[in-house]
Amino acid sequence: MDKKTIAVLVPCYNEGLTIAKVVADFKEALPEATIYVYDNNSKDDTDKVALEAGAVVCYEYRQGKGNVIRSMFRDIDADCYIMIDGDDTYPADHAREIANLILENKADMVIGDRLSSTYFTENKRAFHNSGNKTVRFLINKLFKNNVKDIMTGYRGFNKEFVKTFPIQAKGFEIETEMTIHALDKNMRIREVPVDYRDRPNGSESKLNTISDGMKVMKTIFSLFKDYMPLKFFGMFSLLTLIISAILFIPIFIEFFQTGLVLRFPTLFVSLVFLLIAVFSFFTGVILDVVNKKNRQLYELMVTLNYKNIK
């Protein structure tokens, strides 16, 4: 344990008001850790303040939290990684517990669970509260799990997770992508209830409730399609099959009663929906086979590179 290295990752955009306190708090909680602050085109001297506070300062010029995390994961080598926001909304009190779970090999990813703690009382943005609940409901239903906080920015990772996570997100949807990846790859997830406090006066959130909320929902939709294609295309196939049946049944009854087909356009549309249902179903089957093969290749890659990752 004494030889294990810890990296605290702090992606930042205009957090000059709070970053010094965040760095100082984590230095006190984890004195052996290296604090990395990646500045993402800040205009308020975030980098200078972080450097003076004792952090290692790097830069990511592609805008967006996902882009920053991608660079951090590629650049930094450690045995334990702790990701934290630079806005001082998460206290450092839980950092040691999160780090120990990773270093003692009890988890691949540790989630700092705000929603079971003070989030709903501290957060003053009502749409963010309902948005967190909606995302949590959808992810747990689709992936049959019970993760309590999907979008928290306070997490711990081991090296295996960091070096094998294929980041696609560019912005704040990165946390959702992390959670779905861990669930899909059957990784060990532990949750630690953490306190949450609202931003201090003068500090402004970078989140846009509507646009960022839509990005998260788009990410869920896209990852559901990518990770569970048979279920996704199967649901679409069932829907189009039902539409086809609704259109066809009156024509069939009419034909049974009169011996005539009087609504050929409706019959044609019904057959089109039937063909769509068939093609959609087999698309799901084929992509499901490809997806299973990708999972096998992922496991093989991790196994073959296990020593290098460790």
Protein backbone atom coordinates (compact mmCIF):
# COMPACT_ATOMS: atom_id res chain seq x y z
CA MET A 1 0.00 0.00 0.00
CA ASP A 2 2.87 2.40 0.80
CA LYS A 3 4.21 2.05 -2.75
CA LYS A 4 0.86 2.63 -4.44
CA THR A 5 0.41 5.92 -6.28
CA ILE A 6 -2.71 8.08 -6.21
CA ALA A 7 -3.65 10.69 -8.81
CA VAL A 8 -6.38 13.24 -8.09
CA LEU A 9 -7.84 14.44 -11.39
CA VAL A 10 -9.46 17.89 -11.44
CA PRO A 11 -10.88 19.01 -14.81
CA CYS A 12 -11.40 22.78 -14.69
CA TYR A 13 -13.05 25.54 -16.66
CA ASN A 14 -13.18 28.96 -14.98
CA GLU A 15 -12.85 27.69 -11.39
CA GLY A 16 -10.38 30.31 -10.19
CA LEU A 17 -12.60 31.15 -7.22
CA THR A 18 -12.59 27.62 -5.76
CA ILE A 19 -9.67 25.63 -7.18
CA ALA A 20 -7.14 26.65 -4.50
CA LYS A 21 -9.39 25.31 -1.75
CA VAL A 22 -10.05 22.07 -3.66
CA VAL A 23 -6.31 21.47 -4.11
CA ALA A 24 -5.55 22.30 -0.48
CA ASP A 25 -8.35 20.06 0.84
CA PHE A 26 -7.22 17.05 -1.20
CA LYS A 27 -3.57 17.62 -0.28
CA GLU A 28 -4.61 17.43 3.35
CA ALA A 29 -6.86 14.38 2.85
CA LEU A 30 -4.35 12.52 0.62
CA PRO A 31 -0.88 13.99 1.28
CA GLU A 32 0.78 11.24 -0.76
CA ALA A 33 -1.35 11.96 -3.86
CA THR A 34 -0.41 14.05 -6.87
CA ILE A 35 -3.08 16.65 -7.73
CA TYR A 36 -3.50 17.17 -11.48
CA VAL A 37 -5.47 20.20 -12.65
CA TYR A 38 -6.25 20.21 -16.38
CA ASP A 39 -7.27 23.68 -17.50
CA ASN A 40 -9.85 23.71 -20.30
CA ASN A 41 -9.43 27.21 -21.80
CA SER A 42 -10.25 29.09 -18.59
CA LYS A 43 -10.33 32.88 -18.71
CA ASP A 44 -10.00 33.59 -14.98
CA ASP A 45 -6.43 32.47 -14.12
CA THR A 46 -7.55 29.03 -12.91
CA ASP A 47 -4.20 27.60 -13.99
CA LYS A 48 -2.14 30.17 -12.08
CA VAL A 49 -4.17 29.75 -8.91
CA ALA A 50 -3.91 25.94 -9.12
CA LEU A 51 -0.15 26.10 -9.71
CA GLU A 52 0.33 28.37 -6.70
CA ALA A 53 -1.75 25.96 -4.61
CA GLY A 54 0.67 23.13 -5.45
CA ALA A 55 -1.10 21.27 -8.24
CA VAL A 56 0.45 19.89 -11.41
CA VAL A 57 -1.18 22.00 -14.13
CA CYS A 58 -1.75 20.75 -17.67
CA TYR A 59 -3.90 22.00 -20.54
CA GLU A 60 -6.60 20.57 -22.78
CA TYR A 61 -7.64 22.94 -25.58
CA ARG A 62 -10.52 20.86 -26.95
CA GLN A 63 -13.52 22.21 -25.06
CA GLY A 64 -15.60 19.82 -22.95
CA LYS A 65 -15.21 17.71 -19.84
CA GLY A 66 -15.14 14.46 -21.82
CA ASN A 67 -12.18 15.72 -23.83
CA VAL A 68 -10.36 16.68 -20.62
CA ILE A 69 -10.95 13.29 -19.00
CA ARG A 70 -9.77 11.53 -22.16
CA SER A 71 -6.43 13.36 -22.01
CA MET A 72 -6.09 12.74 -18.27
CA PHE A 73 -6.69 9.01 -18.64
CA ARG A 74 -4.17 8.78 -21.47
CA ASP A 75 -1.46 10.94 -19.91
CA ILE A 76 -1.42 9.93 -16.25
CA ASP A 77 -0.19 6.64 -14.77
CA ALA A 78 -1.20 5.72 -11.22
CA ASP A 79 -2.60 2.82 -9.21
CA CYS A 80 -5.61 4.80 -8.03
CA TYR A 81 -7.38 7.69 -9.73
CA ILE A 82 -9.82 10.02 -8.01
CA MET A 83 -11.87 12.34 -10.20
CA ILE A 84 -13.29 15.46 -8.60
CA ASP A 85 -14.84 18.69 -9.86
CA GLY A 86 -13.01 21.96 -9.28
CA ASP A 87 -16.06 23.85 -7.99
CA ASP A 88 -15.70 22.82 -4.31
CA THR A 89 -19.10 21.12 -4.22
CA TYR A 90 -17.62 17.83 -2.98
CA PRO A 91 -15.69 17.72 0.32
CA ALA A 92 -12.40 15.83 0.44
CA ASP A 93 -13.49 13.96 3.59
CA HIS A 94 -14.43 10.85 1.60
CA ALA A 95 -11.27 10.71 -0.52
CA ARG A 96 -9.40 8.30 1.77
CA GLU A 97 -12.31 5.84 1.86
CA ILE A 98 -12.64 5.92 -1.92
CA ALA A 99 -8.90 5.49 -2.42
CA ASN A 100 -8.76 2.54 -0.01
CA LEU A 101 -11.53 0.70 -1.85
CA ILE A 102 -9.51 0.98 -5.08
CA LEU A 103 -6.09 0.24 -3.58
CA GLU A 104 -7.37 -2.76 -1.62
CA ASN A 105 -8.78 -4.14 -4.91
CA LYS A 106 -12.37 -4.06 -3.70
CA ALA A 107 -13.71 -2.10 -6.67
CA ASP A 108 -12.94 -1.12 -10.25
CA MET A 109 -14.97 2.07 -9.92
CA VAL A 110 -16.17 3.83 -6.77
CA ILE A 111 -19.10 6.20 -7.13
CA GLY A 112 -19.46 9.16 -4.78
CA ASP A 113 -23.22 8.99 -4.22
CA ARG A 114 -24.64 12.52 -3.76
CA LEU A 115 -28.29 11.61 -4.24
CA SER A 116 -28.46 9.50 -1.07
CA SER A 117 -26.97 12.37 0.91
CA THR A 118 -27.46 16.16 0.73
CA TYR A 119 -27.85 16.80 -3.01
CA PHE A 120 -31.59 17.42 -3.14
CA THR A 121 -31.48 19.89 -0.25
CA GLU A 122 -28.30 21.71 -1.31
CA ASN A 123 -28.91 21.92 -5.06
CA LYS A 124 -31.10 24.91 -5.91
CA ARG A 125 -31.78 23.97 -9.55
CA ALA A 126 -35.02 21.99 -9.61
CA PHE A 127 -34.59 20.69 -13.16
CA HIS A 128 -31.21 19.22 -12.19
CA ASN A 129 -32.89 17.27 -9.39
CA SER A 130 -35.56 15.82 -11.67
CA GLY A 131 -32.97 15.23 -14.40
CA ASN A 132 -30.77 13.17 -12.09
CA LYS A 133 -33.77 11.08 -11.02
CA THR A 134 -34.85 10.52 -14.64
CA VAL A 135 -31.37 9.43 -15.79
CA ARG A 136 -31.01 7.13 -12.78
CA PHE A 137 -34.40 5.53 -13.51
CA LEU A 138 -33.65 4.99 -17.20
CA ILE A 139 -30.16 3.53 -16.71
CA ASN A 140 -31.25 1.17 -13.94
CA LYS A 141 -34.26 -0.03 -15.93
CA LEU A 142 -32.39 -0.51 -19.19
CA PHE A 143 -29.31 -2.16 -17.66
CA LYS A 144 -31.12 -3.92 -14.79
CA ASN A 145 -29.11 -2.46 -11.95
CA ASN A 146 -29.54 -0.22 -8.93
CA VAL A 147 -26.86 2.45 -9.15
CA LYS A 148 -27.92 5.31 -6.89
CA ASP A 149 -26.07 8.19 -8.58
CA ILE A 150 -25.36 7.99 -12.30
CA MET A 151 -24.02 11.48 -12.98
CA THR A 152 -21.81 12.27 -9.99
CA GLY A 153 -18.47 13.91 -10.69
CA TYR A 154 -16.81 12.34 -7.63
CA ARG A 155 -15.39 8.92 -8.52
CA GLY A 156 -12.49 6.59 -7.96
CA PHE A 157 -11.00 4.22 -10.56
CA ASN A 158 -8.35 1.57 -10.76
CA LYS A 159 -5.80 1.48 -13.55
CA GLU A 160 -7.64 -1.26 -15.44
CA PHE A 161 -10.74 0.91 -15.79
CA VAL A 162 -8.83 4.02 -16.80
CA LYS A 163 -6.66 2.33 -19.44
CA THR A 164 -9.45 0.28 -21.05
CA PHE A 165 -12.31 2.81 -21.06
CA PRO A 166 -13.08 3.88 -24.67
CA ILE A 167 -14.24 7.47 -24.12
CA GLN A 168 -16.66 8.77 -26.74
CA ALA A 169 -18.28 11.68 -24.90
CA LYS A 170 -16.96 15.21 -25.34
CA GLY A 171 -18.85 16.98 -22.56
CA PHE A 172 -20.70 16.48 -19.29
CA GLU A 173 -22.28 13.24 -20.50
CA ILE A 174 -18.97 11.54 -19.67
CA GLU A 175 -20.21 10.38 -16.23
CA THR A 176 -23.19 8.59 -17.76
CA GLU A 177 -20.88 6.88 -20.25
CA MET A 178 -18.57 5.76 -17.42
CA THR A 179 -21.45 4.18 -15.52
CA ILE A 180 -22.86 2.34 -18.53
CA HIS A 181 -19.40 1.06 -19.52
CA ALA A 182 -18.82 -0.34 -16.02
CA LEU A 183 -22.25 -2.01 -15.98
CA ASP A 184 -21.82 -3.50 -19.44
CA LYS A 185 -18.35 -4.89 -18.68
CA ASN A 186 -19.51 -6.38 -15.37
CA MET A 187 -17.02 -4.32 -13.39
CA ARG A 188 -17.04 -4.11 -9.62
CA ILE A 189 -18.89 -0.94 -8.61
CA ARG A 190 -18.99 0.36 -5.05
CA GLU A 191 -20.94 3.39 -3.89
CA VAL A 192 -19.95 5.69 -1.05
CA PRO A 193 -22.48 8.29 0.17
CA VAL A 194 -20.79 11.68 -0.03
CA ASP A 195 -21.89 15.11 1.13
CA TYR A 196 -22.72 17.68 -1.49
CA ARG A 197 -22.79 21.43 -1.09
CA ASP A 198 -23.97 24.05 -3.53
CA ARG A 199 -21.47 26.30 -5.25
CA PRO A 200 -20.21 29.25 -3.20
CA ASN A 201 -21.44 32.74 -4.05
CA GLY A 202 -19.82 34.06 -7.19
CA SER A 203 -19.18 30.64 -8.68
CA GLU A 204 -21.34 29.83 -11.69
CA SER A 205 -22.29 26.41 -13.02
CA LYS A 206 -21.14 25.55 -16.54
CA LEU A 207 -24.11 23.24 -17.05
CA ASN A 208 -26.99 24.25 -19.30
CA THR A 209 -30.07 22.44 -18.01
CA ILE A 210 -31.75 22.01 -21.40
CA SER A 211 -28.86 21.47 -23.83
CA ASP A 212 -26.73 19.33 -21.49
CA GLY A 213 -29.82 17.39 -20.43
CA MET A 214 -30.56 16.63 -24.09
CA LYS A 215 -26.94 15.52 -24.61
CA VAL A 216 -27.21 13.10 -21.68
CA MET A 217 -30.50 11.67 -23.00
CA LYS A 218 -28.95 11.31 -26.46
CA THR A 219 -25.99 9.51 -24.88
CA ILE A 220 -28.29 7.08 -23.06
CA PHE A 221 -30.22 6.40 -26.28
CA SER A 222 -27.02 5.89 -28.29
CA LEU A 223 -25.32 3.65 -25.71
CA PHE A 224 -28.48 1.59 -25.25
CA LYS A 225 -28.42 0.95 -29.01
CA ASP A 226 -24.69 0.17 -29.00
CA TYR A 227 -24.53 -1.99 -25.86
CA MET A 228 -27.92 -3.77 -26.14
CA PRO A 229 -28.76 -3.88 -29.88
CA LEU A 230 -31.06 -6.92 -29.70
CA LYS A 231 -33.27 -5.29 -27.09
CA PHE A 232 -33.19 -1.92 -28.86
CA PHE A 233 -34.03 -3.20 -32.33
CA GLY A 234 -36.35 -5.84 -30.88
CA MET A 235 -38.45 -3.12 -29.25
CA PHE A 236 -38.55 -1.19 -32.52
CA SER A 237 -39.46 -4.38 -34.38
CA LEU A 238 -42.30 -5.10 -31.96
CA LEU A 239 -43.64 -1.55 -32.33
CA THR A 240 -43.68 -1.71 -36.15
CA LEU A 241 -45.21 -5.19 -36.00
CA ILE A 242 -48.05 -3.88 -33.85
CA ILE A 243 -48.64 -1.00 -36.30
CA SER A 244 -48.66 -3.50 -39.17
CA ALA A 245 -51.20 -5.67 -37.35
CA ILE A 246 -53.45 -2.69 -36.54
CA LEU A 247 -53.53 -1.76 -40.22
CA PHE A 248 -53.93 -5.33 -41.49
CA ILE A 249 -56.61 -6.75 -39.17
CA PRO A 250 -59.52 -4.59 -40.49
CA ILE A 251 -58.55 -5.50 -44.06
CA PHE A 252 -58.44 -9.18 -43.15
CA ILE A 253 -61.86 -9.01 -41.47
CA GLU A 254 -63.25 -7.16 -44.47
CA PHE A 255 -61.81 -9.77 -46.85
CA PHE A 256 -63.19 -12.60 -44.70
CA GLN A 257 -66.65 -11.06 -44.82
CA THR A 258 -66.78 -9.92 -48.49
CA GLY A 259 -64.02 -11.81 -50.28
CA LEU A 260 -62.66 -8.47 -51.53
CA VAL A 261 -59.69 -6.30 -50.67
CA LEU A 262 -60.94 -2.72 -51.05
CA ARG A 263 -58.09 -0.80 -49.39
CA PHE A 264 -54.92 -1.72 -51.26
CA PRO A 265 -52.95 1.37 -50.10
CA THR A 266 -53.55 0.42 -46.45
CA LEU A 267 -52.56 -3.18 -47.20
CA PHE A 268 -49.38 -1.95 -48.86
CA VAL A 269 -48.48 0.24 -45.87
CA SER A 270 -49.17 -2.70 -43.54
CA LEU A 271 -46.77 -4.90 -45.50
CA VAL A 272 -44.11 -2.16 -45.46
CA PHE A 273 -44.32 -2.01 -41.66
CA LEU A 274 -44.13 -5.80 -41.52
CA LEU A 275 -40.95 -5.78 -43.61
CA ILE A 276 -39.47 -3.06 -41.39
CA ALA A 277 -40.27 -5.21 -38.33
CA VAL A 278 -38.55 -8.25 -39.86
CA PHE A 279 -35.46 -6.32 -40.99
CA SER A 280 -35.22 -4.55 -37.63
CA PHE A 281 -35.37 -7.83 -35.72
CA PHE A 282 -32.63 -9.47 -37.77
CA THR A 283 -30.52 -6.30 -37.58
CA GLY A 284 -30.71 -6.63 -33.79
CA VAL A 285 -29.75 -10.31 -33.95
CA ILE A 286 -26.72 -9.63 -36.16
CA LEU A 287 -25.52 -6.68 -34.07
CA ASP A 288 -26.00 -8.69 -30.89
CA VAL A 289 -23.64 -11.35 -32.24
CA VAL A 290 -21.11 -8.62 -33.14
CA ASN A 291 -21.52 -7.07 -29.69
CA LYS A 292 -20.88 -10.40 -27.95
CA LYS A 293 -17.77 -10.88 -30.07
CA ASN A 294 -16.59 -7.38 -29.08
CA ARG A 295 -17.09 -8.26 -25.40
CA GLN A 296 -15.00 -11.40 -25.88
CA LEU A 297 -12.25 -9.37 -27.57
CA TYR A 298 -12.38 -6.80 -24.77
CA GLU A 299 -11.94 -9.50 -22.11
CA LEU A 300 -9.12 -11.06 -24.12
CA MET A 301 -7.42 -7.67 -24.52
CA VAL A 302 -7.63 -6.97 -20.79
CA THR A 303 -6.30 -10.45 -19.97
CA LEU A 304 -3.38 -10.18 -22.40
CA ASN A 305 -2.47 -6.70 -21.15
CA TYR A 306 -3.14 -7.42 -17.48
CA LYS A 307 0.51 -7.26 -16.43
CA ASN A 308 1.11 -4.03 -18.35
CA ILE A 309 -2.01 -2.43 -16.88
CA LYS A 310 -1.04 -3.46 -13.36
